[in-house]
Amino acid sequence: MPVMNIIQALNHTLHKQFASNPRLVTFGEDVGKFGGVFRVTAGLQKEFGEERCFDTPLSEQGIIGFGIGMAQNGLKPICEIQFSDYIFPAYDQIVNEVAKMRYRTGNQYSAPIIIRAPYGGGIHGGHYHSQSPEAQFLHTPGLLVVVVSSPYDAKGLLISAIKTDDPILFLEPKRIYRSLKEEVPEEDYEIPLGVASVAREGKEITLIGWGAQHQQNLMAAKELSTEGIDVEVVNLRSLNPLDIETVANSVKKTGRCVIAHEAPRTQGFGAEITAQVMENCFYFLEAPIGRCCGLDTPFPNAWEKEYLPDAQRVKKTIREVMVA
């Protein structure tokens, strides 16, 4: 079984899916001959031609608007936003057009668009190349949100996204694009959207995360095991749909819960998960729910290490909840 990083897994999947599905097209800034700034689309234009993999003007609003038109005419567009921080000029197209297409047409049309975007910190990109904007789109009914956390998940989630007839924001953690490697099957497989993974079983506390943060959570859980703290780690994989059943079953078992994410704490998605855990697990909780998040500031370059909720900060939050 080949060993791949996330970029290789995504590129491998795109090549296989393009070969089997002539409806697929992909476009964005520098995705064509150059293969994308992170090389995820490398080789697609050479193999499938400029009609199916091409560069666009520097206009995020135009990229998504063009994708809407293509989707309405039977194609399956995969739009790349070069960094998730650049997605906001397209915000109106995404939340007012793409996400509402099925509703506003009385279920006559959908907008089966995949919007790929590298997200998150960890590469010293400063405040315009490090943000985690998932919560700003999760408040939009009709838009699915998926966050990759590993090469294996990247392939399975992308195939499921391609087969889904609804718009999907597909976030890829650039911090671990190349550094995380694991075995990825050559054959196709799907990871269903809305199904979380219990990546590590434990009995004393549930630790919830997604994307690159999931890897920090696994590290924290492993290190805390030497202190006698048994942590169960849940990887959400998709945020909408949210697998609250898996989350609730875990919290009911452990009685304690910590949620960790890179985005700022205030109004981050951790707050919504906290509310749903309270609604489903109130009588099982033995302590207040803890959150370990990014700070309520713009993403700092010089203080990036202090901003990110690394394994050390996650362990501190877990210890506090364990003694609460």
C-alpha atoms as a PDB file:
ATOM      1  CA  MET A   1       0.000   0.000   0.000  1.00  0.00           C
ATOM      2  CA  PRO A   2       1.551   3.372  -0.982  1.00  0.00           C
ATOM      3  CA  VAL A   3       2.482   5.930   1.675  1.00  0.00           C
ATOM      4  CA  MET A   4       1.244   9.443   0.866  1.00  0.00           C
ATOM      5  CA  ASN A   5       1.019  12.880   2.365  1.00  0.00           C
ATOM      6  CA  ILE A   6      -2.199  14.913   2.079  1.00  0.00           C
ATOM      7  CA  ILE A   7      -1.158  16.674  -1.132  1.00  0.00           C
ATOM      8  CA  GLN A   8      -0.278  13.388  -2.789  1.00  0.00           C
ATOM      9  CA  ALA A   9      -3.525  11.788  -1.616  1.00  0.00           C
ATOM     10  CA  LEU A  10      -5.615  14.651  -3.011  1.00  0.00           C
ATOM     11  CA  ASN A  11      -3.688  14.757  -6.290  1.00  0.00           C
ATOM     12  CA  HIS A  12      -3.924  10.972  -6.689  1.00  0.00           C
ATOM     13  CA  THR A  13      -7.681  11.111  -6.037  1.00  0.00           C
ATOM     14  CA  LEU A  14      -8.280  13.954  -8.482  1.00  0.00           C
ATOM     15  CA  HIS A  15      -6.432  12.126 -11.263  1.00  0.00           C
ATOM     16  CA  LYS A  16      -8.443   8.930 -10.721  1.00  0.00           C
ATOM     17  CA  GLN A  17     -11.768  10.729 -10.442  1.00  0.00           C
ATOM     18  CA  PHE A  18     -11.117  12.902 -13.504  1.00  0.00           C
ATOM     19  CA  ALA A  19     -10.355   9.780 -15.509  1.00  0.00           C
ATOM     20  CA  SER A  20     -13.634   8.123 -14.544  1.00  0.00           C
ATOM     21  CA  ASN A  21     -15.955  11.157 -14.433  1.00  0.00           C
ATOM     22  CA  PRO A  22     -15.981  13.450 -17.498  1.00  0.00           C
ATOM     23  CA  ARG A  23     -18.222  15.972 -15.693  1.00  0.00           C
ATOM     24  CA  LEU A  24     -15.387  17.000 -13.373  1.00  0.00           C
ATOM     25  CA  VAL A  25     -13.603  20.299 -13.980  1.00  0.00           C
ATOM     26  CA  THR A  26     -11.295  22.298 -11.729  1.00  0.00           C
ATOM     27  CA  PHE A  27     -10.153  25.893 -11.890  1.00  0.00           C
ATOM     28  CA  GLY A  28      -8.730  28.711  -9.801  1.00  0.00           C
ATOM     29  CA  GLU A  29      -5.656  30.867  -9.489  1.00  0.00           C
ATOM     30  CA  ASP A  30      -2.558  29.038 -10.824  1.00  0.00           C
ATOM     31  CA  VAL A  31      -4.203  25.602 -10.735  1.00  0.00           C
ATOM     32  CA  GLY A  32      -3.487  24.822 -14.400  1.00  0.00           C
ATOM     33  CA  LYS A  33       0.008  24.454 -15.805  1.00  0.00           C
ATOM     34  CA  PHE A  34       1.616  25.327 -12.448  1.00  0.00           C
ATOM     35  CA  GLY A  35      -0.507  22.798 -10.574  1.00  0.00           C
ATOM     36  CA  GLY A  36      -1.604  25.115  -7.778  1.00  0.00           C
ATOM     37  CA  VAL A  37       0.505  26.954  -5.239  1.00  0.00           C
ATOM     38  CA  PHE A  38       0.587  23.782  -3.100  1.00  0.00           C
ATOM     39  CA  ARG A  39       0.727  21.463  -6.160  1.00  0.00           C
ATOM     40  CA  VAL A  40      -2.548  19.670  -5.437  1.00  0.00           C
ATOM     41  CA  THR A  41      -3.666  19.937  -9.080  1.00  0.00           C
ATOM     42  CA  ALA A  42      -0.240  19.111 -10.555  1.00  0.00           C
ATOM     43  CA  GLY A  43      -0.451  17.208 -13.826  1.00  0.00           C
ATOM     44  CA  LEU A  44      -4.221  17.522 -14.282  1.00  0.00           C
ATOM     45  CA  GLN A  45      -4.027  20.039 -17.127  1.00  0.00           C
ATOM     46  CA  LYS A  46      -1.398  18.024 -18.950  1.00  0.00           C
ATOM     47  CA  GLU A  47      -3.433  14.827 -18.703  1.00  0.00           C
ATOM     48  CA  PHE A  48      -6.976  16.162 -19.176  1.00  0.00           C
ATOM     49  CA  GLY A  49      -6.506  19.406 -21.095  1.00  0.00           C
ATOM     50  CA  GLU A  50      -7.164  23.106 -20.521  1.00  0.00           C
ATOM     51  CA  GLU A  51     -10.917  22.697 -20.841  1.00  0.00           C
ATOM     52  CA  ARG A  52     -11.039  20.668 -17.620  1.00  0.00           C
ATOM     53  CA  CYS A  53      -8.203  22.260 -15.600  1.00  0.00           C
ATOM     54  CA  PHE A  54      -7.504  25.929 -16.131  1.00  0.00           C
ATOM     55  CA  ASP A  55      -6.387  29.194 -14.557  1.00  0.00           C
ATOM     56  CA  THR A  56      -8.783  32.021 -13.743  1.00  0.00           C
ATOM     57  CA  PRO A  57      -8.382  35.759 -13.180  1.00  0.00           C
ATOM     58  CA  LEU A  58      -7.626  36.854  -9.612  1.00  0.00           C
ATOM     59  CA  SER A  59     -11.286  37.076  -8.692  1.00  0.00           C
ATOM     60  CA  GLU A  60     -12.687  34.778  -6.008  1.00  0.00           C
ATOM     61  CA  GLN A  61     -16.188  36.102  -6.609  1.00  0.00           C
ATOM     62  CA  GLY A  62     -15.774  35.270 -10.280  1.00  0.00           C
ATOM     63  CA  ILE A  63     -14.425  31.789  -9.550  1.00  0.00           C
ATOM     64  CA  ILE A  64     -17.486  30.831  -7.504  1.00  0.00           C
ATOM     65  CA  GLY A  65     -19.925  32.608  -9.835  1.00  0.00           C
ATOM     66  CA  PHE A  66     -18.439  30.754 -12.798  1.00  0.00           C
ATOM     67  CA  GLY A  67     -18.764  27.507 -10.869  1.00  0.00           C
ATOM     68  CA  ILE A  68     -22.467  28.143 -10.254  1.00  0.00           C
ATOM     69  CA  GLY A  69     -23.103  28.480 -13.975  1.00  0.00           C
ATOM     70  CA  MET A  70     -21.140  25.327 -14.766  1.00  0.00           C
ATOM     71  CA  ALA A  71     -23.010  23.355 -12.078  1.00  0.00           C
ATOM     72  CA  GLN A  72     -26.353  24.466 -13.509  1.00  0.00           C
ATOM     73  CA  ASN A  73     -25.302  23.056 -16.859  1.00  0.00           C
ATOM     74  CA  GLY A  74     -24.450  19.543 -15.753  1.00  0.00           C
ATOM     75  CA  LEU A  75     -20.797  19.822 -14.783  1.00  0.00           C
ATOM     76  CA  LYS A  76     -19.221  19.107 -11.380  1.00  0.00           C
ATOM     77  CA  PRO A  77     -16.891  22.053 -10.703  1.00  0.00           C
ATOM     78  CA  ILE A  78     -14.122  21.884  -8.120  1.00  0.00           C
ATOM     79  CA  CYS A  79     -13.218  25.506  -7.412  1.00  0.00           C
ATOM     80  CA  GLU A  80      -9.920  26.212  -5.699  1.00  0.00           C
ATOM     81  CA  ILE A  81      -9.514  29.255  -3.459  1.00  0.00           C
ATOM     82  CA  GLN A  82      -5.749  29.604  -3.095  1.00  0.00           C
ATOM     83  CA  PHE A  83      -5.933  30.349   0.657  1.00  0.00           C
ATOM     84  CA  SER A  84      -9.101  30.270   2.747  1.00  0.00           C
ATOM     85  CA  ASP A  85      -8.267  33.814   3.827  1.00  0.00           C
ATOM     86  CA  TYR A  86      -8.996  34.917   0.243  1.00  0.00           C
ATOM     87  CA  ILE A  87     -12.483  33.438   0.215  1.00  0.00           C
ATOM     88  CA  PHE A  88     -14.301  36.493   1.576  1.00  0.00           C
ATOM     89  CA  PRO A  89     -14.702  38.372  -1.740  1.00  0.00           C
ATOM     90  CA  ALA A  90     -16.756  35.312  -2.751  1.00  0.00           C
ATOM     91  CA  TYR A  91     -18.771  35.232   0.482  1.00  0.00           C
ATOM     92  CA  ASP A  92     -21.926  36.633  -1.111  1.00  0.00           C
ATOM     93  CA  GLN A  93     -21.811  34.101  -3.943  1.00  0.00           C
ATOM     94  CA  ILE A  94     -21.317  31.236  -1.487  1.00  0.00           C
ATOM     95  CA  VAL A  95     -23.880  32.072   1.205  1.00  0.00           C
ATOM     96  CA  ASN A  96     -26.524  33.842  -0.903  1.00  0.00           C
ATOM     97  CA  GLU A  97     -26.344  31.905  -4.165  1.00  0.00           C
ATOM     98  CA  VAL A  98     -24.599  28.544  -3.846  1.00  0.00           C
ATOM     99  CA  ALA A  99     -26.034  27.544  -0.458  1.00  0.00           C
ATOM    100  CA  LYS A 100     -29.580  28.680  -1.287  1.00  0.00           C
ATOM    101  CA  MET A 101     -29.874  27.281  -4.808  1.00  0.00           C
ATOM    102  CA  ARG A 102     -31.840  24.169  -3.847  1.00  0.00           C
ATOM    103  CA  TYR A 103     -34.168  26.145  -1.552  1.00  0.00           C
ATOM    104  CA  ARG A 104     -34.855  29.092  -3.864  1.00  0.00           C
ATOM    105  CA  THR A 105     -35.677  26.830  -6.821  1.00  0.00           C
ATOM    106  CA  GLY A 106     -38.034  24.576  -4.891  1.00  0.00           C
ATOM    107  CA  ASN A 107     -35.621  21.641  -5.192  1.00  0.00           C
ATOM    108  CA  GLN A 108     -35.471  21.931  -8.990  1.00  0.00           C
ATOM    109  CA  TYR A 109     -31.754  22.728  -8.982  1.00  0.00           C
ATOM    110  CA  SER A 110     -28.831  22.233  -6.672  1.00  0.00           C
ATOM    111  CA  ALA A 111     -25.325  23.668  -6.828  1.00  0.00           C
ATOM    112  CA  PRO A 112     -23.030  20.622  -6.695  1.00  0.00           C
ATOM    113  CA  ILE A 113     -19.847  22.640  -6.255  1.00  0.00           C
ATOM    114  CA  ILE A 114     -16.778  21.679  -4.241  1.00  0.00           C
ATOM    115  CA  ILE A 115     -14.829  24.672  -2.961  1.00  0.00           C
ATOM    116  CA  ARG A 116     -11.320  23.548  -1.992  1.00  0.00           C
ATOM    117  CA  ALA A 117      -9.312  25.872   0.250  1.00  0.00           C
ATOM    118  CA  PRO A 118      -6.128  25.459   2.324  1.00  0.00           C
ATOM    119  CA  TYR A 119      -6.815  26.776   5.828  1.00  0.00           C
ATOM    120  CA  GLY A 120      -5.205  27.327   9.215  1.00  0.00           C
ATOM    121  CA  GLY A 121      -1.883  28.376  10.706  1.00  0.00           C
ATOM    122  CA  GLY A 122       1.445  26.803  11.342  1.00  0.00           C
ATOM    123  CA  ILE A 123       3.392  28.027   8.308  1.00  0.00           C
ATOM    124  CA  HIS A 124       4.257  31.564   9.521  1.00  0.00           C
ATOM    125  CA  GLY A 125       1.893  33.049   6.972  1.00  0.00           C
ATOM    126  CA  GLY A 126       0.728  35.937   9.139  1.00  0.00           C
ATOM    127  CA  HIS A 127      -2.803  37.224   9.387  1.00  0.00           C
ATOM    128  CA  TYR A 128      -3.707  36.869   5.682  1.00  0.00           C
ATOM    129  CA  HIS A 129      -2.574  33.259   5.216  1.00  0.00           C
ATOM    130  CA  SER A 130      -3.402  31.516   8.509  1.00  0.00           C
ATOM    131  CA  GLN A 131      -7.081  31.923   9.346  1.00  0.00           C
ATOM    132  CA  SER A 132      -9.639  29.215  10.129  1.00  0.00           C
ATOM    133  CA  PRO A 133     -12.959  30.584   8.821  1.00  0.00           C
ATOM    134  CA  GLU A 134     -15.152  27.501   9.190  1.00  0.00           C
ATOM    135  CA  ALA A 135     -17.531  29.031  11.755  1.00  0.00           C
ATOM    136  CA  GLN A 136     -18.385  31.893   9.391  1.00  0.00           C
ATOM    137  CA  PHE A 137     -19.795  29.389   6.898  1.00  0.00           C
ATOM    138  CA  LEU A 138     -21.371  26.960   9.361  1.00  0.00           C
ATOM    139  CA  HIS A 139     -24.062  29.550  10.062  1.00  0.00           C
ATOM    140  CA  THR A 140     -25.259  29.066   6.461  1.00  0.00           C
ATOM    141  CA  PRO A 141     -27.970  26.422   5.918  1.00  0.00           C
ATOM    142  CA  GLY A 142     -27.459  24.477   2.702  1.00  0.00           C
ATOM    143  CA  LEU A 143     -23.657  24.527   2.727  1.00  0.00           C
ATOM    144  CA  LEU A 144     -21.751  21.440   3.825  1.00  0.00           C
ATOM    145  CA  VAL A 145     -18.368  21.918   5.524  1.00  0.00           C
ATOM    146  CA  VAL A 146     -15.677  19.226   5.528  1.00  0.00           C
ATOM    147  CA  VAL A 147     -12.223  19.463   7.145  1.00  0.00           C
ATOM    148  CA  VAL A 148      -9.400  17.074   6.263  1.00  0.00           C
ATOM    149  CA  SER A 149      -7.112  15.767   9.009  1.00  0.00           C
ATOM    150  CA  SER A 150      -4.992  13.065   7.323  1.00  0.00           C
ATOM    151  CA  PRO A 151      -4.059  11.618   3.914  1.00  0.00           C
ATOM    152  CA  TYR A 152      -6.421   8.650   4.385  1.00  0.00           C
ATOM    153  CA  ASP A 153      -9.326  10.943   5.241  1.00  0.00           C
ATOM    154  CA  ALA A 154      -8.427  13.315   2.394  1.00  0.00           C
ATOM    155  CA  LYS A 155      -9.036  10.664  -0.258  1.00  0.00           C
ATOM    156  CA  GLY A 156     -12.182   9.163   1.250  1.00  0.00           C
ATOM    157  CA  LEU A 157     -13.797  12.520   1.994  1.00  0.00           C
ATOM    158  CA  LEU A 158     -12.981  13.976  -1.425  1.00  0.00           C
ATOM    159  CA  ILE A 159     -14.551  11.002  -3.216  1.00  0.00           C
ATOM    160  CA  SER A 160     -17.672  11.360  -1.056  1.00  0.00           C
ATOM    161  CA  ALA A 161     -17.747  15.097  -1.781  1.00  0.00           C
ATOM    162  CA  ILE A 162     -17.541  14.469  -5.526  1.00  0.00           C
ATOM    163  CA  LYS A 163     -20.519  12.108  -5.296  1.00  0.00           C
ATOM    164  CA  THR A 164     -22.602  14.567  -3.249  1.00  0.00           C
ATOM    165  CA  ASP A 165     -25.149  16.699  -5.079  1.00  0.00           C
ATOM    166  CA  ASP A 166     -24.830  19.703  -2.746  1.00  0.00           C
ATOM    167  CA  PRO A 167     -22.251  22.474  -2.299  1.00  0.00           C
ATOM    168  CA  ILE A 168     -19.306  21.648  -0.064  1.00  0.00           C
ATOM    169  CA  LEU A 169     -16.597  23.803   1.471  1.00  0.00           C
ATOM    170  CA  PHE A 170     -13.628  21.421   1.594  1.00  0.00           C
ATOM    171  CA  LEU A 171     -10.939  22.741   3.947  1.00  0.00           C
ATOM    172  CA  GLU A 172      -7.391  21.348   3.800  1.00  0.00           C
ATOM    173  CA  PRO A 173      -4.878  21.951   6.642  1.00  0.00           C
ATOM    174  CA  LYS A 174      -1.751  23.342   5.015  1.00  0.00           C
ATOM    175  CA  ARG A 175       0.227  22.936   8.256  1.00  0.00           C
ATOM    176  CA  ILE A 176       0.263  19.158   7.740  1.00  0.00           C
ATOM    177  CA  TYR A 177      -0.055  19.083   3.934  1.00  0.00           C
ATOM    178  CA  ARG A 178       3.370  17.455   3.565  1.00  0.00           C
ATOM    179  CA  SER A 179       4.512  16.557   7.070  1.00  0.00           C
ATOM    180  CA  LEU A 180       1.888  13.897   7.837  1.00  0.00           C
ATOM    181  CA  LYS A 181       2.243  10.642   5.904  1.00  0.00           C
ATOM    182  CA  GLU A 182       0.359   7.353   6.097  1.00  0.00           C
ATOM    183  CA  GLU A 183      -0.780   4.424   3.990  1.00  0.00           C
ATOM    184  CA  VAL A 184      -3.542   5.233   1.497  1.00  0.00           C
ATOM    185  CA  PRO A 185      -5.208   2.460  -0.540  1.00  0.00           C
ATOM    186  CA  GLU A 186      -4.899   2.642  -4.322  1.00  0.00           C
ATOM    187  CA  GLU A 187      -8.519   1.574  -4.790  1.00  0.00           C
ATOM    188  CA  ASP A 188     -11.396   3.992  -4.291  1.00  0.00           C
ATOM    189  CA  TYR A 189     -13.177   4.200  -0.944  1.00  0.00           C
ATOM    190  CA  GLU A 190     -15.607   6.661   0.610  1.00  0.00           C
ATOM    191  CA  ILE A 191     -15.758   8.217   4.056  1.00  0.00           C
ATOM    192  CA  PRO A 192     -19.415   9.239   4.480  1.00  0.00           C
ATOM    193  CA  LEU A 193     -20.030  12.880   5.281  1.00  0.00           C
ATOM    194  CA  GLY A 194     -21.436  13.381   8.757  1.00  0.00           C
ATOM    195  CA  VAL A 195     -19.674  10.377  10.292  1.00  0.00           C
ATOM    196  CA  ALA A 196     -17.069  11.204  12.935  1.00  0.00           C
ATOM    197  CA  SER A 197     -14.214   8.899  13.891  1.00  0.00           C
ATOM    198  CA  VAL A 198     -13.265   7.769  17.373  1.00  0.00           C
ATOM    199  CA  ALA A 199      -9.544   7.875  16.654  1.00  0.00           C
ATOM    200  CA  ARG A 200      -8.486   6.831  20.156  1.00  0.00           C
ATOM    201  CA  GLU A 201     -10.658   5.145  22.757  1.00  0.00           C
ATOM    202  CA  GLY A 202     -10.571   6.286  26.363  1.00  0.00           C
ATOM    203  CA  LYS A 203     -12.658   6.217  29.529  1.00  0.00           C
ATOM    204  CA  GLU A 204     -12.109   9.480  31.432  1.00  0.00           C
ATOM    205  CA  ILE A 205     -12.544  12.452  29.089  1.00  0.00           C
ATOM    206  CA  THR A 206     -13.596  13.146  25.478  1.00  0.00           C
ATOM    207  CA  LEU A 207     -11.368  15.369  23.344  1.00  0.00           C
ATOM    208  CA  ILE A 208     -12.988  16.732  20.162  1.00  0.00           C
ATOM    209  CA  GLY A 209     -11.272  18.371  17.204  1.00  0.00           C
ATOM    210  CA  TRP A 210     -10.900  18.492  13.428  1.00  0.00           C
ATOM    211  CA  GLY A 211      -8.321  19.240  10.756  1.00  0.00           C
ATOM    212  CA  ALA A 212      -4.720  19.824  11.790  1.00  0.00           C
ATOM    213  CA  GLN A 213      -5.858  20.241  15.389  1.00  0.00           C
ATOM    214  CA  HIS A 214      -6.813  16.569  15.480  1.00  0.00           C
ATOM    215  CA  GLN A 215      -3.137  15.619  15.224  1.00  0.00           C
ATOM    216  CA  GLN A 216      -2.302  17.863  18.193  1.00  0.00           C
ATOM    217  CA  ASN A 217      -5.161  16.235  20.104  1.00  0.00           C
ATOM    218  CA  LEU A 218      -3.786  12.758  19.434  1.00  0.00           C
ATOM    219  CA  MET A 219      -0.360  13.869  20.654  1.00  0.00           C
ATOM    220  CA  ALA A 220      -1.838  15.355  23.826  1.00  0.00           C
ATOM    221  CA  ALA A 221      -3.833  12.187  24.550  1.00  0.00           C
ATOM    222  CA  LYS A 222      -0.795   9.986  24.095  1.00  0.00           C
ATOM    223  CA  GLU A 223       1.334  12.126  26.414  1.00  0.00           C
ATOM    224  CA  LEU A 224      -1.394  12.333  29.065  1.00  0.00           C
ATOM    225  CA  SER A 225      -1.622   8.544  29.166  1.00  0.00           C
ATOM    226  CA  THR A 226       1.757   8.573  30.947  1.00  0.00           C
ATOM    227  CA  GLU A 227       0.085  10.661  33.681  1.00  0.00           C
ATOM    228  CA  GLY A 228      -2.724   8.162  34.069  1.00  0.00           C
ATOM    229  CA  ILE A 229      -5.347  10.243  32.204  1.00  0.00           C
ATOM    230  CA  ASP A 230      -7.272   8.122  29.693  1.00  0.00           C
ATOM    231  CA  VAL A 231      -8.431  10.394  26.841  1.00  0.00           C
ATOM    232  CA  GLU A 232     -10.886   9.455  24.096  1.00  0.00           C
ATOM    233  CA  VAL A 233     -10.178  11.416  20.891  1.00  0.00           C
ATOM    234  CA  VAL A 234     -12.973  12.198  18.424  1.00  0.00           C
ATOM    235  CA  ASN A 235     -12.191  13.512  14.933  1.00  0.00           C
ATOM    236  CA  LEU A 236     -15.303  15.180  13.527  1.00  0.00           C
ATOM    237  CA  ARG A 237     -14.180  15.074   9.845  1.00  0.00           C
ATOM    238  CA  SER A 238     -17.239  17.040   8.739  1.00  0.00           C
ATOM    239  CA  LEU A 239     -18.720  19.949  10.676  1.00  0.00           C
ATOM    240  CA  ASN A 240     -21.932  20.128   8.665  1.00  0.00           C
ATOM    241  CA  PRO A 241     -23.398  17.566   8.833  1.00  0.00           C
ATOM    242  CA  LEU A 242     -22.238  17.165  12.426  1.00  0.00           C
ATOM    243  CA  ASP A 243     -22.154  13.674  13.902  1.00  0.00           C
ATOM    244  CA  ILE A 244     -23.511  14.669  17.295  1.00  0.00           C
ATOM    245  CA  GLU A 245     -24.496  11.046  17.995  1.00  0.00           C
ATOM    246  CA  THR A 246     -20.884   9.863  18.104  1.00  0.00           C
ATOM    247  CA  VAL A 247     -19.911  12.902  20.185  1.00  0.00           C
ATOM    248  CA  ALA A 248     -22.766  12.384  22.647  1.00  0.00           C
ATOM    249  CA  ASN A 249     -22.104   8.657  23.023  1.00  0.00           C
ATOM    250  CA  SER A 250     -18.472   9.392  23.847  1.00  0.00           C
ATOM    251  CA  VAL A 251     -19.287  12.104  26.397  1.00  0.00           C
ATOM    252  CA  LYS A 252     -21.929   9.931  28.049  1.00  0.00           C
ATOM    253  CA  LYS A 253     -19.251   7.282  28.484  1.00  0.00           C
ATOM    254  CA  THR A 254     -16.484   9.554  29.810  1.00  0.00           C
ATOM    255  CA  GLY A 255     -18.460  12.255  31.649  1.00  0.00           C
ATOM    256  CA  ARG A 256     -16.047  15.027  30.658  1.00  0.00           C
ATOM    257  CA  CYS A 257     -15.380  16.945  27.447  1.00  0.00           C
ATOM    258  CA  VAL A 258     -12.814  19.308  25.902  1.00  0.00           C
ATOM    259  CA  ILE A 259     -13.133  20.872  22.453  1.00  0.00           C
ATOM    260  CA  ALA A 260     -10.048  22.213  20.663  1.00  0.00           C
ATOM    261  CA  HIS A 261      -9.866  24.291  17.467  1.00  0.00           C
ATOM    262  CA  GLU A 262      -7.506  26.791  15.843  1.00  0.00           C
ATOM    263  CA  ALA A 263     -10.110  29.482  15.205  1.00  0.00           C
ATOM    264  CA  PRO A 264     -10.716  32.220  17.813  1.00  0.00           C
ATOM    265  CA  ARG A 265     -12.630  31.112  20.886  1.00  0.00           C
ATOM    266  CA  THR A 266     -15.521  33.595  20.787  1.00  0.00           C
ATOM    267  CA  GLN A 267     -18.322  32.319  18.530  1.00  0.00           C
ATOM    268  CA  GLY A 268     -16.055  29.525  17.291  1.00  0.00           C
ATOM    269  CA  PHE A 269     -17.677  26.224  16.355  1.00  0.00           C
ATOM    270  CA  GLY A 270     -16.630  24.862  19.733  1.00  0.00           C
ATOM    271  CA  ALA A 271     -19.388  26.984  21.269  1.00  0.00           C
ATOM    272  CA  GLU A 272     -22.038  25.250  19.142  1.00  0.00           C
ATOM    273  CA  ILE A 273     -20.653  21.816  20.006  1.00  0.00           C
ATOM    274  CA  THR A 274     -20.694  22.803  23.686  1.00  0.00           C
ATOM    275  CA  ALA A 275     -24.374  23.737  23.426  1.00  0.00           C
ATOM    276  CA  GLN A 276     -25.277  20.478  21.711  1.00  0.00           C
ATOM    277  CA  VAL A 277     -23.305  18.417  24.227  1.00  0.00           C
ATOM    278  CA  MET A 278     -25.180  20.182  27.030  1.00  0.00           C
ATOM    279  CA  GLU A 279     -28.513  19.459  25.334  1.00  0.00           C
ATOM    280  CA  ASN A 280     -27.709  15.776  24.850  1.00  0.00           C
ATOM    281  CA  CYS A 281     -25.471  14.911  27.801  1.00  0.00           C
ATOM    282  CA  PHE A 282     -26.297  17.290  30.668  1.00  0.00           C
ATOM    283  CA  TYR A 283     -27.052  14.569  33.218  1.00  0.00           C
ATOM    284  CA  PHE A 284     -23.889  12.650  32.313  1.00  0.00           C
ATOM    285  CA  LEU A 285     -21.424  15.546  32.711  1.00  0.00           C
ATOM    286  CA  GLU A 286     -19.184  15.518  35.765  1.00  0.00           C
ATOM    287  CA  ALA A 287     -17.467  18.860  35.033  1.00  0.00           C
ATOM    288  CA  PRO A 288     -17.917  21.979  32.883  1.00  0.00           C
ATOM    289  CA  ILE A 289     -16.967  21.567  29.212  1.00  0.00           C
ATOM    290  CA  GLY A 290     -13.528  22.957  28.391  1.00  0.00           C
ATOM    291  CA  ARG A 291     -12.435  24.796  25.249  1.00  0.00           C
ATOM    292  CA  CYS A 292      -8.865  25.175  23.986  1.00  0.00           C
ATOM    293  CA  CYS A 293      -8.844  27.568  21.048  1.00  0.00           C
ATOM    294  CA  GLY A 294      -7.054  30.246  19.125  1.00  0.00           C
ATOM    295  CA  LEU A 295      -7.037  33.707  20.696  1.00  0.00           C
ATOM    296  CA  ASP A 296      -9.546  36.473  20.038  1.00  0.00           C
ATOM    297  CA  THR A 297      -7.053  38.451  17.956  1.00  0.00           C
ATOM    298  CA  PRO A 298      -6.012  38.584  14.321  1.00  0.00           C
ATOM    299  CA  PHE A 299      -3.641  35.714  13.601  1.00  0.00           C
ATOM    300  CA  PRO A 300      -0.162  36.909  14.669  1.00  0.00           C
ATOM    301  CA  ASN A 301       3.004  36.044  12.791  1.00  0.00           C
ATOM    302  CA  ALA A 302       5.606  36.628  15.517  1.00  0.00           C
ATOM    303  CA  TRP A 303       3.428  34.968  18.201  1.00  0.00           C
ATOM    304  CA  GLU A 304       2.116  32.096  16.105  1.00  0.00           C
ATOM    305  CA  LYS A 305       3.326  29.408  18.515  1.00  0.00           C
ATOM    306  CA  GLU A 306       1.548  31.079  21.433  1.00  0.00           C
ATOM    307  CA  TYR A 307      -1.629  31.525  19.400  1.00  0.00           C
ATOM    308  CA  LEU A 308      -2.072  27.956  18.227  1.00  0.00           C
ATOM    309  CA  PRO A 309      -3.651  25.441  20.642  1.00  0.00           C
ATOM    310  CA  ASP A 310      -0.794  22.952  20.524  1.00  0.00           C
ATOM    311  CA  ALA A 311      -0.596  19.703  22.495  1.00  0.00           C
ATOM    312  CA  GLN A 312       0.787  21.497  25.561  1.00  0.00           C
ATOM    313  CA  ARG A 313      -2.180  23.878  25.742  1.00  0.00           C
ATOM    314  CA  VAL A 314      -4.614  21.017  25.121  1.00  0.00           C
ATOM    315  CA  LYS A 315      -3.072  19.019  27.980  1.00  0.00           C
ATOM    316  CA  LYS A 316      -3.403  22.026  30.301  1.00  0.00           C
ATOM    317  CA  THR A 317      -7.111  22.374  29.486  1.00  0.00           C
ATOM    318  CA  ILE A 318      -7.710  18.651  30.005  1.00  0.00           C
ATOM    319  CA  ARG A 319      -5.983  18.713  33.390  1.00  0.00           C
ATOM    320  CA  GLU A 320      -8.202  21.635  34.460  1.00  0.00           C
ATOM    321  CA  VAL A 321     -11.375  19.808  33.449  1.00  0.00           C
ATOM    322  CA  MET A 322     -10.235  16.610  35.170  1.00  0.00           C
ATOM    323  CA  VAL A 323      -9.993  18.342  38.551  1.00  0.00           C
ATOM    324  CA  ALA A 324     -13.073  20.587  38.133  1.00  0.00           C
END
